[in-house]
Amino acid sequence: RLLADGPLRTRLAENAAREARSRFDVERYADDFVAWYGEILRGEAAGWPWREGHADGASPRSLPVGT
């Protein structure tokens, strides 16, 4: 279908380029990284033991490195 439909190819290519510029924009990446780092510092990052409570009741400061 794409081989036969030039306007569709053009539209898909333009949409993909726009999405890539938005998703991989340096400013956006930096903002997202700073927000994510803030979550880590506040203990809000999903999957971190102190976010969901550690099964043995350990606090973040008592967890060994690599846990």
PDB file of N, CA and C in Angstrom:
ATOM      1  N   ARG A   1       0.826  -1.195   0.000  1.00  0.00           N
ATOM      2  CA  ARG A   1       0.000   0.000   0.000  1.00  0.00           C
ATOM      3  C   ARG A   1       0.871   1.260   0.000  1.00  0.00           C
ATOM      4  N   LEU A   2       1.938   1.272   0.811  1.00  0.00           N
ATOM      5  CA  LEU A   2       2.802   2.449   0.854  1.00  0.00           C
ATOM      6  C   LEU A   2       3.486   2.713  -0.484  1.00  0.00           C
ATOM      7  N   LEU A   3       3.820   1.652  -1.203  1.00  0.00           N
ATOM      8  CA  LEU A   3       4.452   1.837  -2.508  1.00  0.00           C
ATOM      9  C   LEU A   3       3.527   2.560  -3.474  1.00  0.00           C
ATOM     10  N   ALA A   4       2.247   2.283  -3.384  1.00  0.00           N
ATOM     11  CA  ALA A   4       1.283   2.853  -4.323  1.00  0.00           C
ATOM     12  C   ALA A   4       0.698   4.181  -3.862  1.00  0.00           C
ATOM     13  N   ASP A   5       0.850   4.526  -2.596  1.00  0.00           N
ATOM     14  CA  ASP A   5       0.179   5.714  -2.046  1.00  0.00           C
ATOM     15  C   ASP A   5       1.204   6.755  -1.586  1.00  0.00           C
ATOM     16  N   GLY A   6       1.605   7.611  -2.525  1.00  0.00           N
ATOM     17  CA  GLY A   6       2.596   8.646  -2.231  1.00  0.00           C
ATOM     18  C   GLY A   6       2.181   9.597  -1.118  1.00  0.00           C
ATOM     19  N   PRO A   7       0.946  10.116  -1.126  1.00  0.00           N
ATOM     20  CA  PRO A   7       0.526  11.023  -0.047  1.00  0.00           C
ATOM     21  C   PRO A   7       0.559  10.357   1.335  1.00  0.00           C
ATOM     22  N   LEU A   8       0.207   9.083   1.401  1.00  0.00           N
ATOM     23  CA  LEU A   8       0.258   8.367   2.675  1.00  0.00           C
ATOM     24  C   LEU A   8       1.707   8.253   3.152  1.00  0.00           C
ATOM     25  N   ARG A   9       2.622   7.914   2.221  1.00  0.00           N
ATOM     26  CA  ARG A   9       4.043   7.832   2.569  1.00  0.00           C
ATOM     27  C   ARG A   9       4.537   9.164   3.116  1.00  0.00           C
ATOM     28  N   THR A  10       4.166  10.232   2.442  1.00  0.00           N
ATOM     29  CA  THR A  10       4.599  11.566   2.867  1.00  0.00           C
ATOM     30  C   THR A  10       4.059  11.899   4.246  1.00  0.00           C
ATOM     31  N   ARG A  11       2.784  11.634   4.463  1.00  0.00           N
ATOM     32  CA  ARG A  11       2.164  11.932   5.757  1.00  0.00           C
ATOM     33  C   ARG A  11       2.812  11.126   6.880  1.00  0.00           C
ATOM     34  N   LEU A  12       3.035   9.841   6.640  1.00  0.00           N
ATOM     35  CA  LEU A  12       3.669   9.000   7.660  1.00  0.00           C
ATOM     36  C   LEU A  12       5.094   9.469   7.949  1.00  0.00           C
ATOM     37  N   ALA A  13       5.832   9.833   6.917  1.00  0.00           N
ATOM     38  CA  ALA A  13       7.205  10.306   7.105  1.00  0.00           C
ATOM     39  C   ALA A  13       7.225  11.610   7.895  1.00  0.00           C
ATOM     40  N   GLU A  14       6.322  12.532   7.567  1.00  0.00           N
ATOM     41  CA  GLU A  14       6.263  13.804   8.298  1.00  0.00           C
ATOM     42  C   GLU A  14       5.882  13.589   9.756  1.00  0.00           C
ATOM     43  N   ASN A  15       4.915  12.718   9.994  1.00  0.00           N
ATOM     44  CA  ASN A  15       4.507  12.418  11.374  1.00  0.00           C
ATOM     45  C   ASN A  15       5.649  11.778  12.160  1.00  0.00           C
ATOM     46  N   ALA A  16       6.369  10.865  11.532  1.00  0.00           N
ATOM     47  CA  ALA A  16       7.490  10.200  12.209  1.00  0.00           C
ATOM     48  C   ALA A  16       8.595  11.203  12.535  1.00  0.00           C
ATOM     49  N   ALA A  17       8.888  12.102  11.608  1.00  0.00           N
ATOM     50  CA  ALA A  17       9.926  13.108  11.850  1.00  0.00           C
ATOM     51  C   ALA A  17       9.513  14.046  12.978  1.00  0.00           C
ATOM     52  N   ARG A  18       8.263  14.460  12.989  1.00  0.00           N
ATOM     53  CA  ARG A  18       7.763  15.348  14.044  1.00  0.00           C
ATOM     54  C   ARG A  18       7.830  14.652  15.408  1.00  0.00           C
ATOM     55  N   GLU A  19       7.437  13.398  15.457  1.00  0.00           N
ATOM     56  CA  GLU A  19       7.479  12.626  16.704  1.00  0.00           C
ATOM     57  C   GLU A  19       8.917  12.469  17.198  1.00  0.00           C
ATOM     58  N   ALA A  20       9.832  12.176  16.292  1.00  0.00           N
ATOM     59  CA  ALA A  20      11.239  12.012  16.678  1.00  0.00           C
ATOM     60  C   ALA A  20      11.812  13.322  17.214  1.00  0.00           C
ATOM     61  N   ARG A  21      11.506  14.440  16.554  1.00  0.00           N
ATOM     62  CA  ARG A  21      12.001  15.736  17.045  1.00  0.00           C
ATOM     63  C   ARG A  21      11.460  16.031  18.434  1.00  0.00           C
ATOM     64  N   SER A  22      10.203  15.706  18.658  1.00  0.00           N
ATOM     65  CA  SER A  22       9.585  15.957  19.963  1.00  0.00           C
ATOM     66  C   SER A  22      10.153  15.029  21.032  1.00  0.00           C
ATOM     67  N   ARG A  23      10.232  13.765  20.715  1.00  0.00           N
ATOM     68  CA  ARG A  23      10.645  12.764  21.701  1.00  0.00           C
ATOM     69  C   ARG A  23      12.115  12.870  22.078  1.00  0.00           C
ATOM     70  N   PHE A  24      12.952  13.231  21.132  1.00  0.00           N
ATOM     71  CA  PHE A  24      14.391  13.234  21.375  1.00  0.00           C
ATOM     72  C   PHE A  24      14.980  14.642  21.448  1.00  0.00           C
ATOM     73  N   ASP A  25      14.149  15.630  21.696  1.00  0.00           N
ATOM     74  CA  ASP A  25      14.592  17.005  21.868  1.00  0.00           C
ATOM     75  C   ASP A  25      15.484  17.096  23.107  1.00  0.00           C
ATOM     76  N   VAL A  26      16.620  17.751  22.982  1.00  0.00           N
ATOM     77  CA  VAL A  26      17.584  17.837  24.081  1.00  0.00           C
ATOM     78  C   VAL A  26      16.968  18.519  25.299  1.00  0.00           C
ATOM     79  N   GLU A  27      16.235  19.592  25.094  1.00  0.00           N
ATOM     80  CA  GLU A  27      15.608  20.296  26.214  1.00  0.00           C
ATOM     81  C   GLU A  27      14.613  19.394  26.944  1.00  0.00           C
ATOM     82  N   ARG A  28      13.796  18.682  26.183  1.00  0.00           N
ATOM     83  CA  ARG A  28      12.816  17.788  26.804  1.00  0.00           C
ATOM     84  C   ARG A  28      13.526  16.662  27.549  1.00  0.00           C
ATOM     85  N   TYR A  29      14.562  16.105  26.934  1.00  0.00           N
ATOM     86  CA  TYR A  29      15.303  15.021  27.566  1.00  0.00           C
ATOM     87  C   TYR A  29      15.895  15.494  28.890  1.00  0.00           C
ATOM     88  N   ALA A  30      16.480  16.685  28.884  1.00  0.00           N
ATOM     89  CA  ALA A  30      17.076  17.223  30.111  1.00  0.00           C
ATOM     90  C   ALA A  30      16.010  17.439  31.182  1.00  0.00           C
ATOM     91  N   ASP A  31      14.864  18.002  30.800  1.00  0.00           N
ATOM     92  CA  ASP A  31      13.779  18.222  31.760  1.00  0.00           C
ATOM     93  C   ASP A  31      13.277  16.899  32.338  1.00  0.00           C
ATOM     94  N   ASP A  32      13.090  15.901  31.466  1.00  0.00           N
ATOM     95  CA  ASP A  32      12.627  14.588  31.929  1.00  0.00           C
ATOM     96  C   ASP A  32      13.642  13.950  32.870  1.00  0.00           C
ATOM     97  N   PHE A  33      14.931  14.090  32.550  1.00  0.00           N
ATOM     98  CA  PHE A  33      15.975  13.502  33.386  1.00  0.00           C
ATOM     99  C   PHE A  33      16.000  14.160  34.761  1.00  0.00           C
ATOM    100  N   VAL A  34      15.908  15.481  34.797  1.00  0.00           N
ATOM    101  CA  VAL A  34      15.911  16.193  36.074  1.00  0.00           C
ATOM    102  C   VAL A  34      14.696  15.788  36.904  1.00  0.00           C
ATOM    103  N   ALA A  35      13.530  15.656  36.272  1.00  0.00           N
ATOM    104  CA  ALA A  35      12.326  15.232  36.994  1.00  0.00           C
ATOM    105  C   ALA A  35      12.497  13.818  37.543  1.00  0.00           C
ATOM    106  N   TRP A  36      13.045  12.922  36.728  1.00  0.00           N
ATOM    107  CA  TRP A  36      13.264  11.535  37.158  1.00  0.00           C
ATOM    108  C   TRP A  36      14.262  11.483  38.317  1.00  0.00           C
ATOM    109  N   TYR A  37      15.329  12.264  38.222  1.00  0.00           N
ATOM    110  CA  TYR A  37      16.326  12.293  39.288  1.00  0.00           C
ATOM    111  C   TYR A  37      15.696  12.816  40.579  1.00  0.00           C
ATOM    112  N   GLY A  38      14.824  13.808  40.464  1.00  0.00           N
ATOM    113  CA  GLY A  38      14.115  14.315  41.636  1.00  0.00           C
ATOM    114  C   GLY A  38      13.264  13.239  42.284  1.00  0.00           C
ATOM    115  N   GLU A  39      12.612  12.406  41.466  1.00  0.00           N
ATOM    116  CA  GLU A  39      11.819  11.297  42.009  1.00  0.00           C
ATOM    117  C   GLU A  39      12.706  10.347  42.798  1.00  0.00           C
ATOM    118  N   ILE A  40      13.880  10.071  42.270  1.00  0.00           N
ATOM    119  CA  ILE A  40      14.806   9.170  42.964  1.00  0.00           C
ATOM    120  C   ILE A  40      15.207   9.769  44.306  1.00  0.00           C
ATOM    121  N   LEU A  41      15.565  11.041  44.296  1.00  0.00           N
ATOM    122  CA  LEU A  41      15.990  11.688  45.537  1.00  0.00           C
ATOM    123  C   LEU A  41      14.872  11.729  46.577  1.00  0.00           C
ATOM    124  N   ARG A  42      13.633  11.837  46.122  1.00  0.00           N
ATOM    125  CA  ARG A  42      12.494  11.846  47.044  1.00  0.00           C
ATOM    126  C   ARG A  42      12.012  10.431  47.373  1.00  0.00           C
ATOM    127  N   GLY A  43      12.622   9.411  46.761  1.00  0.00           N
ATOM    128  CA  GLY A  43      12.220   8.031  47.018  1.00  0.00           C
ATOM    129  C   GLY A  43      10.922   7.660  46.341  1.00  0.00           C
ATOM    130  N   GLU A  44      10.606   8.334  45.219  1.00  0.00           N
ATOM    131  CA  GLU A  44       9.342   8.086  44.539  1.00  0.00           C
ATOM    132  C   GLU A  44       9.492   7.257  43.276  1.00  0.00           C
ATOM    133  N   ALA A  45      10.686   6.887  42.910  1.00  0.00           N
ATOM    134  CA  ALA A  45      10.886   6.149  41.667  1.00  0.00           C
ATOM    135  C   ALA A  45      10.314   4.740  41.800  1.00  0.00           C
ATOM    136  N   ALA A  46       9.492   4.343  40.836  1.00  0.00           N
ATOM    137  CA  ALA A  46       8.874   3.014  40.856  1.00  0.00           C
ATOM    138  C   ALA A  46       9.947   1.936  40.853  1.00  0.00           C
ATOM    139  N   GLY A  47       9.743   0.921  41.649  1.00  0.00           N
ATOM    140  CA  GLY A  47      10.662  -0.200  41.678  1.00  0.00           C
ATOM    141  C   GLY A  47      11.776  -0.077  42.703  1.00  0.00           C
ATOM    142  N   TRP A  48      11.913   1.078  43.331  1.00  0.00           N
ATOM    143  CA  TRP A  48      12.935   1.227  44.368  1.00  0.00           C
ATOM    144  C   TRP A  48      12.366   0.694  45.673  1.00  0.00           C
ATOM    145  N   PRO A  49      13.154  -0.034  46.455  1.00  0.00           N
ATOM    146  CA  PRO A  49      12.634  -0.688  47.666  1.00  0.00           C
ATOM    147  C   PRO A  49      11.925   0.260  48.622  1.00  0.00           C
ATOM    148  N   TRP A  50      12.421   1.464  48.807  1.00  0.00           N
ATOM    149  CA  TRP A  50      11.796   2.360  49.778  1.00  0.00           C
ATOM    150  C   TRP A  50      10.511   2.984  49.249  1.00  0.00           C
ATOM    151  N   ARG A  51      10.238   2.852  47.963  1.00  0.00           N
ATOM    152  CA  ARG A  51       8.969   3.368  47.425  1.00  0.00           C
ATOM    153  C   ARG A  51       7.818   2.470  47.844  1.00  0.00           C
ATOM    154  N   GLU A  52       7.992   1.186  47.703  1.00  0.00           N
ATOM    155  CA  GLU A  52       6.905   0.247  47.939  1.00  0.00           C
ATOM    156  C   GLU A  52       7.032  -0.469  49.275  1.00  0.00           C
ATOM    157  N   GLY A  53       8.050  -0.172  50.010  1.00  0.00           N
ATOM    158  CA  GLY A  53       8.258  -0.855  51.282  1.00  0.00           C
ATOM    159  C   GLY A  53       9.035  -2.135  51.071  1.00  0.00           C
ATOM    160  N   HIS A  54      10.060  -2.295  51.804  1.00  0.00           N
ATOM    161  CA  HIS A  54      10.892  -3.484  51.687  1.00  0.00           C
ATOM    162  C   HIS A  54      10.285  -4.580  52.554  1.00  0.00           C
ATOM    163  N   ALA A  55      10.288  -5.792  52.056  1.00  0.00           N
ATOM    164  CA  ALA A  55       9.634  -6.907  52.751  1.00  0.00           C
ATOM    165  C   ALA A  55      10.147  -7.089  54.176  1.00  0.00           C
ATOM    166  N   ASP A  56      11.438  -6.832  54.403  1.00  0.00           N
ATOM    167  CA  ASP A  56      11.984  -7.040  55.744  1.00  0.00           C
ATOM    168  C   ASP A  56      11.950  -5.764  56.589  1.00  0.00           C
ATOM    169  N   GLY A  57      11.286  -4.713  56.069  1.00  0.00           N
ATOM    170  CA  GLY A  57      11.153  -3.474  56.828  1.00  0.00           C
ATOM    171  C   GLY A  57      12.380  -2.596  56.794  1.00  0.00           C
ATOM    172  N   ALA A  58      13.332  -2.920  55.935  1.00  0.00           N
ATOM    173  CA  ALA A  58      14.561  -2.135  55.858  1.00  0.00           C
ATOM    174  C   ALA A  58      14.270  -0.729  55.356  1.00  0.00           C
ATOM    175  N   SER A  59      14.987   0.213  55.897  1.00  0.00           N
ATOM    176  CA  SER A  59      14.870   1.592  55.415  1.00  0.00           C
ATOM    177  C   SER A  59      15.888   1.788  54.302  1.00  0.00           C
ATOM    178  N   PRO A  60      15.766   2.858  53.512  1.00  0.00           N
ATOM    179  CA  PRO A  60      16.731   3.084  52.431  1.00  0.00           C
ATOM    180  C   PRO A  60      18.164   3.143  52.930  1.00  0.00           C
ATOM    181  N   ARG A  61      18.382   3.714  54.093  1.00  0.00           N
ATOM    182  CA  ARG A  61      19.747   3.855  54.598  1.00  0.00           C
ATOM    183  C   ARG A  61      20.320   2.516  55.073  1.00  0.00           C
ATOM    184  N   SER A  62      19.460   1.561  55.404  1.00  0.00           N
ATOM    185  CA  SER A  62      19.964   0.288  55.912  1.00  0.00           C
ATOM    186  C   SER A  62      20.125  -0.763  54.818  1.00  0.00           C
ATOM    187  N   LEU A  63      19.696  -0.447  53.599  1.00  0.00           N
ATOM    188  CA  LEU A  63      19.816  -1.418  52.517  1.00  0.00           C
ATOM    189  C   LEU A  63      21.253  -1.455  52.011  1.00  0.00           C
ATOM    190  N   PRO A  64      21.803  -2.639  51.818  1.00  0.00           N
ATOM    191  CA  PRO A  64      23.154  -2.724  51.266  1.00  0.00           C
ATOM    192  C   PRO A  64      23.153  -2.275  49.808  1.00  0.00           C
ATOM    193  N   VAL A  65      24.281  -1.792  49.339  1.00  0.00           N
ATOM    194  CA  VAL A  65      24.416  -1.372  47.950  1.00  0.00           C
ATOM    195  C   VAL A  65      24.142  -2.563  47.051  1.00  0.00           C
ATOM    196  N   GLY A  66      23.396  -2.338  45.966  1.00  0.00           N
ATOM    197  CA  GLY A  66      23.087  -3.400  45.020  1.00  0.00           C
ATOM    198  C   GLY A  66      21.788  -4.111  45.314  1.00  0.00           C
ATOM    199  N   THR A  67      21.067  -3.696  46.342  1.00  0.00           N
ATOM    200  CA  THR A  67      19.793  -4.335  46.675  1.00  0.00           C
ATOM    201  C   THR A  67      18.686  -3.708  45.892  1.00  0.00           C
TER     202      THR A  67
END
